[in-house]
Amino acid sequence: MTPMKTYQELVDENKSLRSQLDEAAETLYAIRTGQIDALVVEGNNGHELYTLKTADQTYRIFIETMNEGAVTLNENGLILYSNTMFARMVGQPLSSVLGVPFAGFIDPDSLADYQLLFSQGWNEERKVELNIINLYHQKIPCMLSVKSLDLDEGLSLSIILTDLTVQKETQQLLRINNEKLEATNSALRLSNQALNRSNDNLQEFAYVASHDLQEPLRKIQQFGDILNQQYGELLGRQGQDMLVRMQSAAARMSTLIRDLLNFSRLTTPGQHMSEQNLNELVGGVLALLDLSIQEKQASVEVGDLGCLPGDATQLTQLFQNLLTNALKFTRPDVKPQVRVSRQSIAQSELPPAFQLADPALSYCAIRVQDNGIGFQPSQAEQIFGTFLRLHGRSEYPGTGIGLAIVRKVVENHHGYVHADSQPGQGATFTIYLPE
């Protein structure tokens, strides 16, 4: 039975173990930092010498498996060592690159850069981008990183070569794409300039045309009034009827020109976009329609519409056309009832037909509801067409351009308009606008 050790013996043994552990740690650190390359170990057969060939083998495996080329040069620029990757880069067997001048693999156009790199690399770490050439005289763009090494064979120059072919091809592709993009942008700028000139010319033409066309129409109406006042009795019933038809046609033509001018001004988004108080805008529209509201004995209910970013003139046109239609297309012997309301909705609640590449975070739905004559659901889309009329002029006056203006105003405000109706059950126009 092993005798139990005393406390002092245990303390001494612990000190000895600690000393051995510290010595082992120092040895491992010296091996890792390259301070020693061999160990003398005392064994049963006396002292034995162990060289650190394992570390050298690991280093060589690392160099051979790396994706960069690696060479070591002597002071004359001859290749003392090369890994397989460099031999593969220049398209030659490994045995053919050892002992030859490294400068022989440099592109003649890059030779001056290499010579400067070779002369300076002995004193400081340097990097340079140049071309090497392979067996087939093809140029390979590379980044060369050099560093001097103090080896057993003497002072040597280590060069790591990183192939930049893929990077250069990517840069070239990006450059080509950027040039194409710039050409496209240039063409787009020219197209936008041409479009702006066209819009300016169109608006100028619409203004001039409306002014020039309105003037003769006013003359027709004025001379018609004079003719009716001074010579009405001489014209007889048939002549007076023709005169009334002429003045009515002139009045319709004047209204049509005015509506066309209003529509032409909506070819571009509003130029004065700012926060608008919709309650004030609708209040102003109702003041203009007050006479029609009284004649029809209509009831108009307006909820809290709040504020919204937009163009005041265009939004006024929108509400004026919608409310005018609600007061126009009424059922006989039924007092018109019109309701205007607003509801905040999430982006997910927008109609499937309303698709935008860059939607806003929140929207509102403004509804104008009436109890008028309504229309067929199949006509809900076509009523927004220009000059489209569902009823004869003798039944309901108008030019058929009012709802086209509504849609254009909504589009200029990045919104969407939808109509719901049934014959004899009124209509609901819903305007979706970003908040």
Protein backbone atom coordinates (compact mmCIF):
# COMPACT_ATOMS: atom_id res chain seq x y z
CA MET A 1 0.00 0.00 0.00
CA THR A 2 1.36 3.42 -1.05
CA PRO A 3 2.08 5.55 2.02
CA MET A 4 0.10 8.77 2.26
CA LYS A 5 2.11 11.90 1.37
CA THR A 6 2.60 14.61 3.89
CA TYR A 7 1.29 18.13 3.38
CA GLN A 8 4.78 19.49 2.69
CA GLU A 9 5.42 16.76 0.09
CA LEU A 10 2.21 17.69 -1.68
CA VAL A 11 3.21 21.38 -1.69
CA ASP A 12 6.65 20.58 -3.14
CA GLU A 13 5.12 18.34 -5.83
CA ASN A 14 2.66 21.07 -6.78
CA LYS A 15 5.52 23.59 -7.16
CA SER A 16 7.39 21.14 -9.40
CA LEU A 17 4.35 20.60 -11.60
CA ARG A 18 3.79 24.34 -11.91
CA SER A 19 7.42 24.84 -12.93
CA GLN A 20 7.14 22.15 -15.62
CA LEU A 21 3.89 23.69 -16.88
CA ASP A 22 5.46 27.16 -17.15
CA GLU A 23 8.46 25.69 -18.99
CA ALA A 24 6.16 23.85 -21.42
CA ALA A 25 4.16 27.05 -22.06
CA GLU A 26 7.38 28.98 -22.83
CA THR A 27 8.50 26.23 -25.20
CA LEU A 28 5.19 26.23 -27.07
CA TYR A 29 5.30 30.02 -27.39
CA ALA A 30 8.86 29.86 -28.78
CA ILE A 31 7.78 27.25 -31.34
CA ARG A 32 4.78 29.31 -32.45
CA THR A 33 6.85 32.48 -32.86
CA GLY A 34 9.68 30.77 -34.74
CA GLN A 35 12.33 31.37 -32.04
CA ILE A 36 13.40 27.71 -32.10
CA ASP A 37 13.37 25.13 -34.87
CA ALA A 38 14.62 22.08 -32.87
CA LEU A 39 14.28 20.46 -29.44
CA VAL A 40 16.73 18.37 -27.36
CA VAL A 41 14.81 15.75 -25.35
CA GLU A 42 16.33 13.53 -22.66
CA GLY A 43 15.06 9.95 -22.95
CA ASN A 44 15.99 6.40 -22.05
CA ASN A 45 18.66 6.44 -24.77
CA GLY A 46 20.18 9.75 -23.68
CA HIS A 47 19.69 13.14 -25.34
CA GLU A 48 17.94 13.17 -28.75
CA LEU A 49 17.55 16.07 -31.28
CA TYR A 50 14.09 16.72 -32.84
CA THR A 51 13.74 19.27 -35.74
CA LEU A 52 10.41 20.98 -36.38
CA LYS A 53 9.83 19.54 -39.82
CA THR A 54 6.13 19.28 -39.07
CA ALA A 55 5.80 23.07 -38.96
CA ASP A 56 7.65 23.42 -42.27
CA GLN A 57 5.40 20.81 -43.84
CA THR A 58 2.28 22.65 -42.66
CA TYR A 59 3.60 25.91 -44.13
CA ARG A 60 4.29 24.27 -47.48
CA ILE A 61 0.83 22.67 -47.58
CA PHE A 62 -0.70 26.10 -46.92
CA ILE A 63 1.29 27.73 -49.73
CA GLU A 64 0.40 24.94 -52.16
CA THR A 65 -3.32 25.06 -51.46
CA MET A 66 -3.80 28.84 -51.51
CA ASN A 67 -5.60 30.44 -54.49
CA GLU A 68 -2.80 32.93 -55.15
CA GLY A 69 0.46 32.31 -56.90
CA ALA A 70 3.57 32.43 -54.70
CA VAL A 71 7.25 32.69 -55.66
CA THR A 72 10.52 33.38 -53.85
CA LEU A 73 13.30 35.26 -55.68
CA ASN A 74 16.98 35.69 -54.96
CA GLU A 75 18.82 38.97 -55.31
CA ASN A 76 19.25 38.34 -59.05
CA GLY A 77 15.52 37.90 -59.60
CA LEU A 78 15.72 34.14 -60.17
CA ILE A 79 12.85 31.97 -58.93
CA LEU A 80 14.08 29.85 -56.01
CA TYR A 81 10.64 28.53 -55.08
CA SER A 82 7.20 28.50 -56.76
CA ASN A 83 3.91 26.98 -55.75
CA THR A 84 1.76 25.01 -58.18
CA MET A 85 -0.74 27.86 -58.58
CA PHE A 86 1.84 30.21 -60.11
CA ALA A 87 2.98 27.50 -62.55
CA ARG A 88 -0.67 27.01 -63.48
CA MET A 89 -1.16 30.77 -63.98
CA VAL A 90 1.70 30.97 -66.51
CA GLY A 91 0.67 27.68 -68.16
CA GLN A 92 3.96 25.81 -67.56
CA PRO A 93 5.03 22.80 -65.48
CA LEU A 94 6.50 23.60 -62.09
CA SER A 95 9.95 22.37 -63.10
CA SER A 96 10.07 24.92 -65.95
CA VAL A 97 9.62 27.98 -63.76
CA LEU A 98 12.26 27.19 -61.11
CA GLY A 99 15.67 28.80 -61.61
CA VAL A 100 14.51 31.18 -64.37
CA PRO A 101 14.22 34.98 -64.16
CA PHE A 102 10.83 36.05 -62.86
CA ALA A 103 10.99 39.10 -65.17
CA GLY A 104 10.50 36.69 -68.10
CA PHE A 105 6.86 36.27 -67.00
CA ILE A 106 6.19 40.01 -66.89
CA ASP A 107 4.35 41.73 -69.74
CA PRO A 108 6.82 44.07 -71.53
CA ASP A 109 4.41 46.99 -70.98
CA SER A 110 4.59 46.35 -67.22
CA LEU A 111 8.33 45.68 -67.01
CA ALA A 112 9.19 49.18 -65.72
CA ASP A 113 6.65 48.85 -62.88
CA TYR A 114 8.06 45.43 -61.95
CA GLN A 115 11.68 46.66 -61.89
CA LEU A 116 10.70 49.49 -59.55
CA LEU A 117 8.80 47.02 -57.36
CA PHE A 118 11.79 44.62 -57.30
CA SER A 119 14.23 47.35 -56.28
CA GLN A 120 12.03 48.79 -53.52
CA GLY A 121 10.63 45.49 -52.21
CA TRP A 122 13.84 44.58 -50.38
CA ASN A 123 13.44 47.50 -48.01
CA GLU A 124 9.67 47.76 -47.54
CA GLU A 125 6.48 45.86 -48.29
CA ARG A 126 5.04 46.98 -51.62
CA LYS A 127 2.05 46.30 -53.87
CA VAL A 128 1.54 47.00 -57.53
CA GLU A 129 -0.96 46.04 -60.21
CA LEU A 130 0.54 44.81 -63.48
CA ASN A 131 0.20 42.13 -66.16
CA ILE A 132 2.03 38.83 -66.36
CA ILE A 133 2.04 36.67 -69.51
CA ASN A 134 1.50 32.94 -69.85
CA LEU A 135 2.89 30.38 -72.28
CA TYR A 136 0.43 31.54 -74.95
CA HIS A 137 1.43 35.21 -74.54
CA GLN A 138 -1.91 36.04 -72.98
CA LYS A 139 -1.95 38.91 -70.51
CA ILE A 140 -3.13 38.14 -66.96
CA PRO A 141 -3.84 41.16 -64.73
CA CYS A 142 -2.42 40.55 -61.25
CA MET A 143 -1.83 42.29 -57.95
CA LEU A 144 1.75 41.64 -56.78
CA SER A 145 2.54 41.90 -53.07
CA VAL A 146 6.23 41.70 -52.15
CA LYS A 147 8.09 41.26 -48.86
CA SER A 148 11.71 40.43 -48.08
CA LEU A 149 12.43 37.26 -46.06
CA ASP A 150 15.61 36.28 -44.23
CA LEU A 151 15.85 32.54 -45.01
CA ASP A 152 18.58 29.95 -44.48
CA GLU A 153 19.60 30.47 -48.08
CA GLY A 154 19.98 34.20 -47.46
CA LEU A 155 17.83 37.26 -48.00
CA SER A 156 15.03 36.51 -50.46
CA LEU A 157 12.04 38.33 -51.92
CA SER A 158 8.61 36.75 -51.49
CA ILE A 159 5.95 37.64 -54.11
CA ILE A 160 2.24 36.78 -53.81
CA LEU A 161 0.30 37.09 -57.10
CA THR A 162 -3.49 37.60 -57.01
CA ASP A 163 -5.26 37.00 -60.33
CA LEU A 164 -7.51 40.02 -61.11
CA THR A 165 -9.04 38.61 -64.31
CA VAL A 166 -12.54 38.09 -62.89
CA GLN A 167 -12.40 41.45 -61.11
CA LYS A 168 -11.32 43.22 -64.32
CA GLU A 169 -14.04 41.49 -66.35
CA THR A 170 -16.61 42.53 -63.75
CA GLN A 171 -15.35 46.10 -63.82
CA GLN A 172 -15.48 46.11 -67.62
CA LEU A 173 -19.02 44.75 -67.56
CA LEU A 174 -20.02 47.39 -65.02
CA ARG A 175 -18.39 50.08 -67.16
CA ILE A 176 -20.29 48.90 -70.24
CA ASN A 177 -23.55 48.76 -68.29
CA ASN A 178 -22.93 52.22 -66.86
CA GLU A 179 -22.29 53.57 -70.36
CA LYS A 180 -25.52 51.96 -71.60
CA LEU A 181 -27.37 53.36 -68.60
CA GLU A 182 -25.96 56.81 -69.23
CA ALA A 183 -26.99 56.58 -72.89
CA THR A 184 -30.48 55.50 -71.82
CA ASN A 185 -30.68 58.33 -69.30
CA SER A 186 -29.50 60.79 -71.93
CA ALA A 187 -32.17 59.55 -74.35
CA LEU A 188 -34.74 59.74 -71.56
CA ARG A 189 -33.73 63.32 -70.76
CA LEU A 190 -34.12 64.26 -74.41
CA SER A 191 -37.51 62.53 -74.52
CA ASN A 192 -38.61 64.36 -71.37
CA GLN A 193 -37.48 67.66 -72.84
CA ALA A 194 -39.39 66.92 -76.04
CA LEU A 195 -42.44 65.89 -74.00
CA ASN A 196 -42.26 69.06 -71.92
CA ARG A 197 -42.02 71.15 -75.08
CA SER A 198 -44.97 69.23 -76.51
CA ASN A 199 -47.00 69.82 -73.34
CA ASP A 200 -46.11 73.50 -73.35
CA ASN A 201 -47.09 73.77 -77.01
CA LEU A 202 -50.31 71.86 -76.34
CA GLN A 203 -51.29 74.13 -73.47
CA GLU A 204 -50.43 77.21 -75.50
CA PHE A 205 -52.45 75.86 -78.43
CA ALA A 206 -55.40 75.02 -76.15
CA TYR A 207 -55.36 78.52 -74.68
CA VAL A 208 -55.10 80.25 -78.07
CA ALA A 209 -57.64 77.94 -79.67
CA SER A 210 -60.14 78.40 -76.86
CA HIS A 211 -59.74 82.17 -76.96
CA ASP A 212 -59.98 82.35 -80.76
CA LEU A 213 -62.96 79.97 -80.84
CA GLN A 214 -64.82 81.62 -77.96
CA GLU A 215 -64.68 85.04 -79.58
CA PRO A 216 -66.74 84.18 -82.72
CA LEU A 217 -69.15 82.19 -80.55
CA ARG A 218 -69.73 85.24 -78.37
CA LYS A 219 -70.39 87.25 -81.54
CA ILE A 220 -72.93 84.66 -82.70
CA GLN A 221 -74.73 84.83 -79.35
CA GLN A 222 -74.65 88.65 -79.25
CA PHE A 223 -75.92 89.08 -82.81
CA GLY A 224 -78.52 86.40 -82.13
CA ASP A 225 -79.80 88.40 -79.14
CA ILE A 226 -79.88 91.60 -81.24
CA LEU A 227 -81.64 89.77 -84.09
CA ASN A 228 -84.22 88.38 -81.68
CA GLN A 229 -84.85 91.76 -80.03
CA GLN A 230 -85.08 93.91 -83.18
CA TYR A 231 -86.37 91.51 -85.81
CA GLY A 232 -87.94 88.68 -83.79
CA GLU A 233 -91.51 89.46 -84.91
CA LEU A 234 -90.45 89.56 -88.57
CA LEU A 235 -88.83 86.12 -88.39
CA GLY A 236 -92.04 84.33 -87.60
CA ARG A 237 -92.34 81.20 -85.50
CA GLN A 238 -90.09 79.10 -87.71
CA GLY A 239 -87.39 81.77 -87.87
CA GLN A 240 -87.46 82.27 -84.09
CA ASP A 241 -87.16 78.52 -83.58
CA MET A 242 -84.10 78.43 -85.83
CA LEU A 243 -82.63 81.37 -83.92
CA VAL A 244 -83.13 79.60 -80.59
CA ARG A 245 -81.47 76.45 -81.97
CA MET A 246 -78.52 78.50 -83.23
CA GLN A 247 -77.95 80.19 -79.89
CA SER A 248 -78.36 76.88 -78.03
CA ALA A 249 -75.74 75.27 -80.30
CA ALA A 250 -73.39 78.22 -79.74
CA ALA A 251 -73.85 77.92 -75.96
CA ARG A 252 -73.06 74.17 -76.07
CA MET A 253 -70.00 74.84 -78.20
CA SER A 254 -68.81 77.45 -75.71
CA THR A 255 -69.24 75.02 -72.82
CA LEU A 256 -67.43 72.28 -74.74
CA ILE A 257 -64.46 74.54 -75.48
CA ARG A 258 -64.27 75.58 -71.82
CA ASP A 259 -64.33 71.94 -70.67
CA LEU A 260 -61.67 70.98 -73.24
CA LEU A 261 -59.48 73.79 -71.99
CA ASN A 262 -59.91 72.59 -68.40
CA PHE A 263 -59.03 69.04 -69.42
CA SER A 264 -55.94 70.12 -71.38
CA ARG A 265 -54.64 71.88 -68.29
CA LEU A 266 -54.62 68.53 -66.47
CA THR A 267 -52.05 66.89 -68.76
CA THR A 268 -49.42 67.26 -66.02
CA PRO A 269 -49.64 66.80 -62.21
CA GLY A 270 -50.54 69.80 -60.10
CA GLN A 271 -47.87 72.49 -59.97
CA HIS A 272 -48.90 73.78 -56.52
CA MET A 273 -49.04 70.70 -54.30
CA SER A 274 -49.55 71.59 -50.64
CA GLU A 275 -51.71 70.68 -47.66
CA GLN A 276 -55.37 71.37 -48.53
CA ASN A 277 -58.37 71.72 -46.23
CA LEU A 278 -60.96 69.64 -48.06
CA ASN A 279 -63.84 70.98 -45.98
CA GLU A 280 -63.07 74.50 -47.22
CA LEU A 281 -62.71 73.33 -50.84
CA VAL A 282 -66.05 71.48 -50.79
CA GLY A 283 -67.66 74.45 -49.02
CA GLY A 284 -66.58 76.71 -51.86
CA VAL A 285 -67.99 74.28 -54.45
CA LEU A 286 -71.34 74.10 -52.62
CA ALA A 287 -71.50 77.89 -52.61
CA LEU A 288 -71.20 77.86 -56.42
CA LEU A 289 -73.90 75.20 -56.68
CA ASP A 290 -76.22 76.84 -54.16
CA LEU A 291 -78.82 77.87 -56.77
CA SER A 292 -78.99 74.35 -58.22
CA ILE A 293 -79.26 72.87 -54.71
CA GLN A 294 -82.20 75.16 -53.90
CA GLU A 295 -83.96 74.48 -57.21
CA LYS A 296 -83.68 70.73 -56.69
CA GLN A 297 -84.48 71.01 -52.96
CA ALA A 298 -81.47 68.76 -52.45
CA SER A 299 -79.97 67.64 -49.16
CA VAL A 300 -76.17 67.69 -49.11
CA GLU A 301 -74.40 66.19 -46.09
CA VAL A 302 -70.63 66.67 -45.78
CA GLY A 303 -68.65 64.84 -43.09
CA ASP A 304 -65.27 65.85 -41.72
CA LEU A 305 -62.98 65.52 -44.74
CA GLY A 306 -59.84 66.75 -42.99
CA CYS A 307 -56.72 67.77 -44.90
CA LEU A 308 -54.83 66.22 -47.78
CA PRO A 309 -51.77 67.12 -49.87
CA GLY A 310 -52.81 68.23 -53.34
CA ASP A 311 -53.45 70.97 -55.87
CA ALA A 312 -56.31 73.22 -54.77
CA THR A 313 -57.49 74.07 -58.29
CA GLN A 314 -57.56 70.46 -59.45
CA LEU A 315 -59.23 69.13 -56.30
CA THR A 316 -61.88 71.85 -56.63
CA GLN A 317 -62.56 70.68 -60.20
CA LEU A 318 -62.88 67.11 -58.93
CA PHE A 319 -65.51 67.90 -56.28
CA GLN A 320 -67.34 70.32 -58.55
CA ASN A 321 -67.79 67.71 -61.28
CA LEU A 322 -68.83 64.95 -58.85
CA LEU A 323 -71.35 67.14 -57.00
CA THR A 324 -72.69 68.62 -60.25
CA ASN A 325 -73.34 65.09 -61.55
CA ALA A 326 -75.04 64.12 -58.28
CA LEU A 327 -77.41 67.10 -58.62
CA LYS A 328 -77.94 66.55 -62.35
CA PHE A 329 -78.76 62.84 -62.65
CA THR A 330 -81.73 62.80 -60.24
CA ARG A 331 -84.92 60.76 -60.26
CA PRO A 332 -88.26 62.50 -60.90
CA ASP A 333 -90.29 63.30 -57.78
CA VAL A 334 -87.39 62.21 -55.52
CA LYS A 335 -85.52 64.84 -53.52
CA PRO A 336 -81.80 64.48 -54.17
CA GLN A 337 -79.70 63.34 -51.25
CA VAL A 338 -75.92 63.65 -51.49
CA ARG A 339 -73.41 62.56 -48.87
CA VAL A 340 -69.64 63.23 -48.88
CA SER A 341 -67.50 61.30 -46.38
CA ARG A 342 -63.91 60.27 -45.70
CA GLN A 343 -62.40 57.09 -44.27
CA SER A 344 -58.75 56.26 -43.55
CA ILE A 345 -57.72 52.84 -44.88
CA ALA A 346 -54.64 50.67 -44.86
CA GLN A 347 -52.63 49.95 -47.98
CA SER A 348 -53.87 46.34 -47.88
CA GLU A 349 -57.48 47.55 -48.20
CA LEU A 350 -56.93 49.22 -51.58
CA PRO A 351 -58.86 47.73 -54.54
CA PRO A 352 -56.94 44.99 -56.43
CA ALA A 353 -57.18 47.13 -59.58
CA PHE A 354 -55.21 49.92 -57.86
CA GLN A 355 -51.58 48.89 -58.36
CA LEU A 356 -48.63 51.17 -57.69
CA ALA A 357 -44.88 50.45 -57.88
CA ASP A 358 -44.21 52.71 -54.88
CA PRO A 359 -47.41 52.92 -52.78
CA ALA A 360 -47.84 55.35 -49.91
CA LEU A 361 -47.97 54.21 -46.29
CA SER A 362 -51.59 55.25 -45.77
CA TYR A 363 -54.58 56.24 -47.89
CA CYS A 364 -58.02 57.74 -47.49
CA ALA A 365 -61.24 56.82 -49.27
CA ILE A 366 -63.43 59.85 -50.09
CA ARG A 367 -66.96 58.81 -51.10
CA VAL A 368 -69.58 60.89 -52.92
CA GLN A 369 -72.92 59.06 -52.68
CA ASP A 370 -76.26 60.06 -54.26
CA ASN A 371 -79.74 58.59 -54.68
CA GLY A 372 -80.05 59.45 -58.36
CA ILE A 373 -80.84 57.43 -61.47
CA GLY A 374 -77.68 55.33 -61.28
CA PHE A 375 -76.29 53.24 -64.15
CA GLN A 376 -75.50 49.67 -65.12
CA PRO A 377 -72.48 48.12 -63.28
CA SER A 378 -71.02 47.21 -66.69
CA GLN A 379 -70.76 50.94 -67.45
CA ALA A 380 -68.73 51.71 -64.29
CA GLU A 381 -65.46 51.99 -66.21
CA GLN A 382 -66.56 53.53 -69.51
CA ILE A 383 -68.26 56.52 -67.85
CA PHE A 384 -64.80 57.98 -67.22
CA GLY A 385 -64.10 58.19 -70.96
CA THR A 386 -63.84 61.54 -72.73
CA PHE A 387 -67.08 62.79 -74.38
CA LEU A 388 -68.94 59.65 -73.28
CA ARG A 389 -72.63 60.17 -72.49
CA LEU A 390 -75.07 57.55 -71.20
CA HIS A 391 -78.11 59.74 -71.81
CA GLY A 392 -79.37 62.05 -74.55
CA ARG A 393 -78.54 65.76 -74.43
CA SER A 394 -82.22 66.61 -74.25
CA GLU A 395 -82.56 64.61 -71.01
CA TYR A 396 -79.41 65.73 -69.22
CA PRO A 397 -77.22 68.57 -70.56
CA GLY A 398 -73.44 68.40 -70.55
CA THR A 399 -70.38 67.68 -72.67
CA GLY A 400 -69.48 64.22 -71.32
CA ILE A 401 -66.05 65.33 -70.15
CA GLY A 402 -66.71 65.90 -66.44
CA LEU A 403 -65.81 62.41 -65.18
CA ALA A 404 -62.78 62.30 -67.49
CA ILE A 405 -61.54 65.38 -65.63
CA VAL A 406 -62.24 63.61 -62.31
CA ARG A 407 -60.11 60.61 -63.30
CA LYS A 408 -57.28 62.81 -64.58
CA VAL A 409 -57.18 64.82 -61.33
CA VAL A 410 -57.08 61.60 -59.29
CA GLU A 411 -54.24 60.19 -61.42
CA ASN A 412 -52.30 63.43 -61.04
CA HIS A 413 -52.55 62.93 -57.27
CA HIS A 414 -51.33 59.28 -57.52
CA GLY A 415 -54.76 57.93 -56.62
CA TYR A 416 -57.56 55.79 -57.99
CA VAL A 417 -61.28 56.38 -58.64
CA HIS A 418 -63.98 53.71 -58.70
CA ALA A 419 -67.74 53.90 -59.32
CA ASP A 420 -70.47 51.59 -57.93
CA SER A 421 -74.10 51.77 -59.00
CA GLN A 422 -77.35 50.05 -59.90
CA PRO A 423 -80.08 51.54 -62.13
CA GLY A 424 -82.49 53.56 -60.00
CA GLN A 425 -80.45 53.09 -56.81
CA GLY A 426 -78.04 55.98 -56.99
CA ALA A 427 -74.25 55.93 -57.45
CA THR A 428 -71.17 55.98 -55.21
CA PHE A 429 -67.89 57.41 -56.44
CA THR A 430 -64.91 56.43 -54.25
CA ILE A 431 -61.67 58.40 -54.54
CA TYR A 432 -58.54 56.74 -53.10
CA LEU A 433 -55.79 59.28 -52.39
CA PRO A 434 -52.51 59.00 -50.43
CA GLU A 435 -52.62 60.73 -47.06
